[in-house]
Amino acid sequence: MECGVCWHVYDPTEGDPDRRVPPGTAFTALPQDWRCPICDATRIVFVRPNA
């Protein structure tokens, strides 16, 4: 999934070590209060990138 504000890509293989999200965590399994680590946008602005 990709942030619609800053275009940061959440990579489930990496997780989010800064927010203690372990590698292998799917985007849908992120905590509800998880926010973009770059611009602090909420999960709702994340979109699926074009293939």
PDB file of N, CA and C in Angstrom:
ATOM      1  N   MET A   1       0.842  -1.176   0.000  1.00  0.00           N
ATOM      2  CA  MET A   1       0.000   0.000   0.000  1.00  0.00           C
ATOM      3  C   MET A   1       0.891   1.243   0.000  1.00  0.00           C
ATOM      4  N   GLU A   2       0.363   2.292  -0.582  1.00  0.00           N
ATOM      5  CA  GLU A   2       1.139   3.515  -0.786  1.00  0.00           C
ATOM      6  C   GLU A   2       0.395   4.709  -0.208  1.00  0.00           C
ATOM      7  N   CYS A   3       1.106   5.557   0.498  1.00  0.00           N
ATOM      8  CA  CYS A   3       0.498   6.749   1.094  1.00  0.00           C
ATOM      9  C   CYS A   3       0.079   7.714  -0.014  1.00  0.00           C
ATOM     10  N   GLY A   4      -1.175   8.157   0.033  1.00  0.00           N
ATOM     11  CA  GLY A   4      -1.693   9.094  -0.960  1.00  0.00           C
ATOM     12  C   GLY A   4      -1.230  10.522  -0.745  1.00  0.00           C
ATOM     13  N   VAL A   5      -0.502  10.772   0.346  1.00  0.00           N
ATOM     14  CA  VAL A   5      -0.001  12.118   0.626  1.00  0.00           C
ATOM     15  C   VAL A   5       1.463  12.237   0.197  1.00  0.00           C
ATOM     16  N   CYS A   6       2.312  11.345   0.712  1.00  0.00           N
ATOM     17  CA  CYS A   6       3.754  11.466   0.449  1.00  0.00           C
ATOM     18  C   CYS A   6       4.302  10.340  -0.430  1.00  0.00           C
ATOM     19  N   TRP A   7       3.459   9.366  -0.766  1.00  0.00           N
ATOM     20  CA  TRP A   7       3.790   8.239  -1.637  1.00  0.00           C
ATOM     21  C   TRP A   7       4.751   7.241  -1.013  1.00  0.00           C
ATOM     22  N   HIS A   8       4.872   7.254   0.315  1.00  0.00           N
ATOM     23  CA  HIS A   8       5.645   6.226   1.017  1.00  0.00           C
ATOM     24  C   HIS A   8       4.962   4.879   0.795  1.00  0.00           C
ATOM     25  N   VAL A   9       5.740   3.857   0.496  1.00  0.00           N
ATOM     26  CA  VAL A   9       5.198   2.518   0.281  1.00  0.00           C
ATOM     27  C   VAL A   9       5.398   1.687   1.539  1.00  0.00           C
ATOM     28  N   TYR A  10       4.292   1.179   2.088  1.00  0.00           N
ATOM     29  CA  TYR A  10       4.395   0.249   3.216  1.00  0.00           C
ATOM     30  C   TYR A  10       4.735  -1.117   2.646  1.00  0.00           C
ATOM     31  N   ASP A  11       5.856  -1.666   3.069  1.00  0.00           N
ATOM     32  CA  ASP A  11       6.317  -2.981   2.611  1.00  0.00           C
ATOM     33  C   ASP A  11       6.125  -3.985   3.743  1.00  0.00           C
ATOM     34  N   PRO A  12       5.188  -4.917   3.589  1.00  0.00           N
ATOM     35  CA  PRO A  12       4.936  -5.871   4.664  1.00  0.00           C
ATOM     36  C   PRO A  12       6.132  -6.768   4.974  1.00  0.00           C
ATOM     37  N   THR A  13       7.039  -6.940   4.033  1.00  0.00           N
ATOM     38  CA  THR A  13       8.221  -7.768   4.322  1.00  0.00           C
ATOM     39  C   THR A  13       9.167  -7.066   5.279  1.00  0.00           C
ATOM     40  N   GLU A  14       9.075  -5.738   5.349  1.00  0.00           N
ATOM     41  CA  GLU A  14       9.915  -4.967   6.268  1.00  0.00           C
ATOM     42  C   GLU A  14       9.190  -4.576   7.553  1.00  0.00           C
ATOM     43  N   GLY A  15       7.854  -4.454   7.493  1.00  0.00           N
ATOM     44  CA  GLY A  15       7.110  -3.963   8.645  1.00  0.00           C
ATOM     45  C   GLY A  15       7.431  -2.500   8.874  1.00  0.00           C
ATOM     46  N   ASP A  16       7.372  -2.079  10.125  1.00  0.00           N
ATOM     47  CA  ASP A  16       7.704  -0.703  10.491  1.00  0.00           C
ATOM     48  C   ASP A  16       8.446  -0.757  11.821  1.00  0.00           C
ATOM     49  N   PRO A  17       9.765  -0.949  11.767  1.00  0.00           N
ATOM     50  CA  PRO A  17      10.527  -1.107  13.006  1.00  0.00           C
ATOM     51  C   PRO A  17      10.441   0.091  13.953  1.00  0.00           C
ATOM     52  N   ASP A  18      10.261   1.298  13.410  1.00  0.00           N
ATOM     53  CA  ASP A  18      10.164   2.486  14.259  1.00  0.00           C
ATOM     54  C   ASP A  18       8.901   2.466  15.129  1.00  0.00           C
ATOM     55  N   ARG A  19       7.865   1.799  14.634  1.00  0.00           N
ATOM     56  CA  ARG A  19       6.602   1.715  15.386  1.00  0.00           C
ATOM     57  C   ARG A  19       6.349   0.287  15.890  1.00  0.00           C
ATOM     58  N   ARG A  20       7.404  -0.488  15.929  1.00  0.00           N
ATOM     59  CA  ARG A  20       7.382  -1.860  16.462  1.00  0.00           C
ATOM     60  C   ARG A  20       6.392  -2.780  15.748  1.00  0.00           C
ATOM     61  N   VAL A  21       6.294  -2.619  14.422  1.00  0.00           N
ATOM     62  CA  VAL A  21       5.494  -3.519  13.606  1.00  0.00           C
ATOM     63  C   VAL A  21       6.475  -4.513  12.998  1.00  0.00           C
ATOM     64  N   PRO A  22       6.349  -5.794  13.351  1.00  0.00           N
ATOM     65  CA  PRO A  22       7.330  -6.773  12.882  1.00  0.00           C
ATOM     66  C   PRO A  22       7.220  -7.068  11.385  1.00  0.00           C
ATOM     67  N   PRO A  23       8.336  -7.482  10.780  1.00  0.00           N
ATOM     68  CA  PRO A  23       8.302  -7.911   9.379  1.00  0.00           C
ATOM     69  C   PRO A  23       7.258  -9.014   9.202  1.00  0.00           C
ATOM     70  N   GLY A  24       6.618  -9.008   8.044  1.00  0.00           N
ATOM     71  CA  GLY A  24       5.595 -10.004   7.757  1.00  0.00           C
ATOM     72  C   GLY A  24       4.188  -9.558   8.127  1.00  0.00           C
ATOM     73  N   THR A  25       4.044  -8.322   8.628  1.00  0.00           N
ATOM     74  CA  THR A  25       2.732  -7.817   9.009  1.00  0.00           C
ATOM     75  C   THR A  25       2.036  -7.207   7.797  1.00  0.00           C
ATOM     76  N   ALA A  26       0.905  -7.788   7.428  1.00  0.00           N
ATOM     77  CA  ALA A  26       0.127  -7.269   6.305  1.00  0.00           C
ATOM     78  C   ALA A  26      -0.440  -5.896   6.652  1.00  0.00           C
ATOM     79  N   PHE A  27      -0.670  -5.081   5.629  1.00  0.00           N
ATOM     80  CA  PHE A  27      -1.231  -3.754   5.856  1.00  0.00           C
ATOM     81  C   PHE A  27      -2.554  -3.842   6.608  1.00  0.00           C
ATOM     82  N   THR A  28      -3.382  -4.807   6.265  1.00  0.00           N
ATOM     83  CA  THR A  28      -4.690  -4.958   6.910  1.00  0.00           C
ATOM     84  C   THR A  28      -4.566  -5.364   8.372  1.00  0.00           C
ATOM     85  N   ALA A  29      -3.396  -5.849   8.778  1.00  0.00           N
ATOM     86  CA  ALA A  29      -3.186  -6.271  10.167  1.00  0.00           C
ATOM     87  C   ALA A  29      -2.514  -5.187  11.015  1.00  0.00           C
ATOM     88  N   LEU A  30      -2.222  -4.033  10.427  1.00  0.00           N
ATOM     89  CA  LEU A  30      -1.611  -2.946  11.189  1.00  0.00           C
ATOM     90  C   LEU A  30      -2.590  -2.444  12.240  1.00  0.00           C
ATOM     91  N   PRO A  31      -2.084  -1.948  13.361  1.00  0.00           N
ATOM     92  CA  PRO A  31      -2.977  -1.373  14.378  1.00  0.00           C
ATOM     93  C   PRO A  31      -3.800  -0.227  13.778  1.00  0.00           C
ATOM     94  N   GLN A  32      -5.023  -0.036  14.262  1.00  0.00           N
ATOM     95  CA  GLN A  32      -5.900   1.007  13.735  1.00  0.00           C
ATOM     96  C   GLN A  32      -5.302   2.401  13.875  1.00  0.00           C
ATOM     97  N   ASP A  33      -4.439   2.603  14.872  1.00  0.00           N
ATOM     98  CA  ASP A  33      -3.850   3.932  15.072  1.00  0.00           C
ATOM     99  C   ASP A  33      -2.509   4.109  14.348  1.00  0.00           C
ATOM    100  N   TRP A  34      -2.127   3.115  13.529  1.00  0.00           N
ATOM    101  CA  TRP A  34      -0.870   3.216  12.775  1.00  0.00           C
ATOM    102  C   TRP A  34      -0.972   4.381  11.798  1.00  0.00           C
ATOM    103  N   ARG A  35       0.135   5.113  11.646  1.00  0.00           N
ATOM    104  CA  ARG A  35       0.187   6.263  10.751  1.00  0.00           C
ATOM    105  C   ARG A  35       1.425   6.168   9.868  1.00  0.00           C
ATOM    106  N   CYS A  36       1.414   6.876   8.766  1.00  0.00           N
ATOM    107  CA  CYS A  36       2.547   6.888   7.846  1.00  0.00           C
ATOM    108  C   CYS A  36       3.795   7.348   8.587  1.00  0.00           C
ATOM    109  N   PRO A  37       4.891   6.584   8.491  1.00  0.00           N
ATOM    110  CA  PRO A  37       6.099   6.976   9.206  1.00  0.00           C
ATOM    111  C   PRO A  37       6.792   8.210   8.618  1.00  0.00           C
ATOM    112  N   ILE A  38       6.400   8.610   7.423  1.00  0.00           N
ATOM    113  CA  ILE A  38       7.029   9.772   6.789  1.00  0.00           C
ATOM    114  C   ILE A  38       6.242  11.054   7.054  1.00  0.00           C
ATOM    115  N   CYS A  39       4.926  11.031   6.772  1.00  0.00           N
ATOM    116  CA  CYS A  39       4.144  12.275   6.863  1.00  0.00           C
ATOM    117  C   CYS A  39       3.071  12.244   7.946  1.00  0.00           C
ATOM    118  N   ASP A  40       2.950  11.145   8.656  1.00  0.00           N
ATOM    119  CA  ASP A  40       2.010  10.991   9.764  1.00  0.00           C
ATOM    120  C   ASP A  40       0.545  10.946   9.318  1.00  0.00           C
ATOM    121  N   ALA A  41       0.297  10.638   8.045  1.00  0.00           N
ATOM    122  CA  ALA A  41      -1.077  10.501   7.555  1.00  0.00           C
ATOM    123  C   ALA A  41      -1.701   9.221   8.129  1.00  0.00           C
ATOM    124  N   THR A  42      -3.019   9.216   8.235  1.00  0.00           N
ATOM    125  CA  THR A  42      -3.720   8.042   8.742  1.00  0.00           C
ATOM    126  C   THR A  42      -3.764   6.941   7.681  1.00  0.00           C
ATOM    127  N   ARG A  43      -4.108   5.747   8.118  1.00  0.00           N
ATOM    128  CA  ARG A  43      -4.180   4.588   7.213  1.00  0.00           C
ATOM    129  C   ARG A  43      -5.166   4.798   6.081  1.00  0.00           C
ATOM    130  N   ILE A  44      -6.210   5.590   6.311  1.00  0.00           N
ATOM    131  CA  ILE A  44      -7.277   5.742   5.325  1.00  0.00           C
ATOM    132  C   ILE A  44      -6.802   6.372   4.012  1.00  0.00           C
ATOM    133  N   VAL A  45      -5.709   7.117   4.033  1.00  0.00           N
ATOM    134  CA  VAL A  45      -5.217   7.754   2.800  1.00  0.00           C
ATOM    135  C   VAL A  45      -4.324   6.826   1.984  1.00  0.00           C
ATOM    136  N   PHE A  46      -4.054   5.630   2.483  1.00  0.00           N
ATOM    137  CA  PHE A  46      -3.223   4.684   1.741  1.00  0.00           C
ATOM    138  C   PHE A  46      -4.038   4.036   0.624  1.00  0.00           C
ATOM    139  N   VAL A  47      -3.414   3.898  -0.529  1.00  0.00           N
ATOM    140  CA  VAL A  47      -4.050   3.310  -1.696  1.00  0.00           C
ATOM    141  C   VAL A  47      -3.171   2.198  -2.248  1.00  0.00           C
ATOM    142  N   ARG A  48      -3.796   1.331  -3.013  1.00  0.00           N
ATOM    143  CA  ARG A  48      -3.053   0.255  -3.663  1.00  0.00           C
ATOM    144  C   ARG A  48      -2.339   0.856  -4.882  1.00  0.00           C
ATOM    145  N   PRO A  49      -1.016   0.682  -4.984  1.00  0.00           N
ATOM    146  CA  PRO A  49      -0.292   1.256  -6.139  1.00  0.00           C
ATOM    147  C   PRO A  49      -0.702   0.561  -7.429  1.00  0.00           C
ATOM    148  N   ASN A  50      -0.599   1.285  -8.532  1.00  0.00           N
ATOM    149  CA  ASN A  50      -0.896   0.706  -9.848  1.00  0.00           C
ATOM    150  C   ASN A  50       0.111  -0.387 -10.169  1.00  0.00           C
ATOM    151  N   ALA A  51      -0.378  -1.453 -10.728  1.00  0.00           N
ATOM    152  CA  ALA A  51       0.493  -2.583 -11.088  1.00  0.00           C
ATOM    153  C   ALA A  51       1.160  -2.339 -12.418  1.00  0.00           C
TER     154      ALA A  51
END
